[in-house]
Protein backbone atom coordinates (compact mmCIF):
# COMPACT_ATOMS: atom_id res chain seq x y z
CA MET A 1 8.38 -163.83 86.28
CA ALA A 2 7.42 -160.33 85.63
CA ALA A 3 9.12 -157.29 87.10
CA ARG A 4 8.21 -156.65 90.61
CA ARG A 5 7.10 -152.99 91.74
CA PHE A 6 8.27 -151.08 94.88
CA ALA A 7 5.09 -151.56 96.65
CA ASP A 8 5.32 -155.82 95.39
CA ARG A 9 8.78 -155.95 97.46
CA ALA A 10 7.42 -155.71 101.06
CA GLN A 11 5.52 -159.11 100.13
CA PRO A 12 7.56 -162.22 99.55
CA PRO A 13 8.18 -163.75 95.80
CA ASP A 14 5.37 -166.71 95.00
CA LEU A 15 8.31 -169.04 95.36
CA LYS A 16 9.35 -171.54 97.94
CA PRO A 17 11.64 -169.93 100.89
CA SER A 18 14.55 -172.26 99.49
CA GLU A 19 13.87 -170.68 96.06
CA TYR A 20 15.29 -167.27 97.26
CA VAL A 21 17.52 -165.33 99.23
CA SER A 22 15.55 -163.15 102.18
CA GLY A 23 16.22 -159.32 101.68
CA ALA A 24 16.09 -160.05 105.56
CA VAL A 25 19.81 -160.65 105.33
CA TYR A 26 20.46 -157.53 104.10
CA ARG A 27 19.46 -155.59 107.39
CA ASP A 28 19.20 -158.44 110.00
CA GLU A 29 20.77 -157.58 113.47
CA GLY A 30 21.96 -161.35 113.79
CA VAL A 31 22.67 -162.17 110.41
CA PHE A 32 25.20 -159.17 110.61
CA GLN A 33 26.66 -159.91 113.93
CA SER A 34 27.10 -163.66 112.36
CA GLU A 35 29.20 -162.37 109.86
CA LEU A 36 31.10 -160.00 111.84
CA ASP A 37 31.89 -162.93 114.62
CA GLN A 38 32.51 -166.01 111.33
CA VAL A 39 33.78 -163.91 108.60
CA LEU A 40 34.65 -160.17 109.28
CA SER A 41 36.58 -160.58 112.11
CA LYS A 42 38.90 -163.28 110.57
CA VAL A 43 40.09 -161.82 107.36
CA TRP A 44 42.35 -159.30 106.81
CA HIS A 45 41.56 -155.68 106.33
CA PHE A 46 43.64 -152.83 104.78
CA ALA A 47 44.82 -150.18 107.53
CA CYS A 48 47.25 -147.96 105.75
CA HIS A 49 50.15 -148.29 103.60
CA GLU A 50 53.33 -148.05 105.62
CA SER A 51 55.13 -144.70 104.09
CA GLU A 52 51.71 -143.35 105.52
CA ILE A 53 53.83 -144.00 109.03
CA PRO A 54 57.03 -143.64 108.04
CA ASN A 55 59.11 -142.54 111.21
CA ALA A 56 58.86 -144.50 114.73
CA GLY A 57 55.79 -143.32 116.71
CA ASP A 58 53.99 -142.71 113.82
CA TYR A 59 50.72 -144.13 114.06
CA ARG A 60 47.04 -144.58 112.54
CA THR A 61 43.85 -146.16 114.25
CA PHE A 62 40.91 -147.18 112.64
CA GLN A 63 38.18 -150.26 113.46
CA HIS A 64 37.54 -153.60 112.18
CA ALA A 65 34.79 -155.62 112.97
CA LYS A 66 33.63 -153.13 115.58
CA GLN A 67 37.11 -153.89 117.08
CA PRO A 68 39.39 -150.51 117.59
CA LEU A 69 42.51 -151.13 116.45
CA LEU A 70 46.10 -149.16 115.85
CA VAL A 71 48.96 -149.51 113.79
CA ILE A 72 52.43 -147.98 114.94
CA ARG A 73 55.79 -147.84 113.73
CA GLY A 74 58.12 -148.69 116.43
CA GLU A 75 61.72 -147.25 117.62
CA ASP A 76 63.10 -150.35 115.89
CA ASN A 77 60.99 -149.21 112.54
CA SER A 78 58.55 -152.76 112.87
CA VAL A 79 54.89 -152.37 112.12
CA ARG A 80 52.48 -153.52 114.35
CA CYS A 81 48.93 -153.63 115.40
CA PHE A 82 47.53 -154.00 118.52
CA PHE A 83 43.81 -153.44 119.73
CA ASN A 84 43.32 -149.87 120.81
CA VAL A 85 42.45 -150.46 124.39
CA CYS A 86 44.49 -150.24 127.34
CA SER A 87 45.22 -153.40 129.19
CA HIS A 88 44.32 -152.73 132.71
CA ARG A 89 40.32 -151.45 132.10
CA GLY A 90 39.92 -151.04 128.54
CA ALA A 91 40.01 -147.53 127.95
CA ARG A 92 41.38 -146.32 124.47
CA LEU A 93 44.57 -145.45 124.08
CA LEU A 94 44.70 -143.18 120.94
CA GLY A 95 41.62 -140.80 119.98
CA ASP A 96 43.13 -139.20 116.80
CA ALA A 97 42.97 -141.29 113.63
CA ALA A 98 46.81 -140.50 112.81
CA GLY A 99 49.66 -138.83 115.00
CA THR A 100 52.69 -139.48 116.56
CA ALA A 101 53.76 -141.03 120.18
CA SER A 102 56.83 -142.19 121.80
CA ARG A 103 54.70 -143.72 124.62
CA LEU A 104 50.39 -144.78 124.39
CA THR A 105 49.68 -143.43 127.90
CA CYS A 106 45.91 -144.33 129.52
CA PHE A 107 43.79 -141.74 130.42
CA TYR A 108 42.24 -143.80 133.02
CA HIS A 109 44.62 -144.95 135.10
CA LEU A 110 47.81 -143.57 133.37
CA TRP A 111 48.81 -147.05 132.42
CA THR A 112 51.88 -146.41 129.57
CA TYR A 113 53.28 -148.61 127.16
CA ASP A 114 56.04 -148.08 124.48
CA THR A 115 55.78 -148.84 120.70
CA GLU A 116 56.01 -152.17 120.84
CA GLY A 117 53.70 -153.03 123.07
CA ARG A 118 55.28 -153.33 126.79
CA CYS A 119 53.87 -151.79 129.92
CA VAL A 120 56.76 -149.65 130.79
CA ASP A 121 54.84 -147.97 133.78
CA ILE A 122 52.05 -148.29 136.02
CA PRO A 123 51.90 -145.27 138.14
CA ARG A 124 52.18 -146.52 142.07
CA GLU A 125 53.57 -149.78 141.11
CA GLU A 126 54.21 -150.74 144.55
CA GLY A 127 49.99 -150.61 145.59
CA TYR A 128 49.59 -153.64 143.34
CA ALA A 129 52.54 -155.69 145.07
CA PRO A 130 50.52 -158.07 147.25
CA THR A 131 48.29 -159.14 144.20
CA GLY A 132 51.45 -160.12 142.19
CA LEU A 133 51.32 -157.51 139.06
CA ASP A 134 53.41 -158.65 136.47
CA LYS A 135 54.55 -155.95 134.30
CA ALA A 136 55.94 -157.82 131.39
CA ALA A 137 52.42 -159.86 131.22
CA LEU A 138 50.58 -156.84 130.55
CA GLY A 139 51.57 -155.51 127.17
CA LEU A 140 48.72 -154.16 124.88
CA ARG A 141 47.36 -157.07 122.42
CA GLU A 142 49.15 -157.71 119.57
CA VAL A 143 46.85 -158.35 116.28
CA ARG A 144 49.05 -159.73 113.24
CA ALA A 145 49.19 -157.56 110.50
């Protein structure tokens, strides 16, 4: 088969559909979403080297498979990864790419989490009493790291 000119690329090659891969797979949103769901969201992704977060409270934020994540070194010196969203309303917790924080506080309703992901403060917590709110069950969602 002779080389094709750029103008010819708009037309599929003179082959059976089973004999070539359409260029649409590189730009089709459905294919991309399928790859995110079935492949990319299930594989490891380099977030940072642990030397980039040497002290308790040091963190890095990033996205993986369109999900906002944060990596933080806890007071116990362990490195953990969480979804970078409040467990109450899903608002972003940390906006900076890197920094240090002893507590992670949501700007929306001021729910606060420690570096181990536990919910440690809910303003006006007594207002939630009739709902049976259990702070121990409202920590950040951890991602294996």
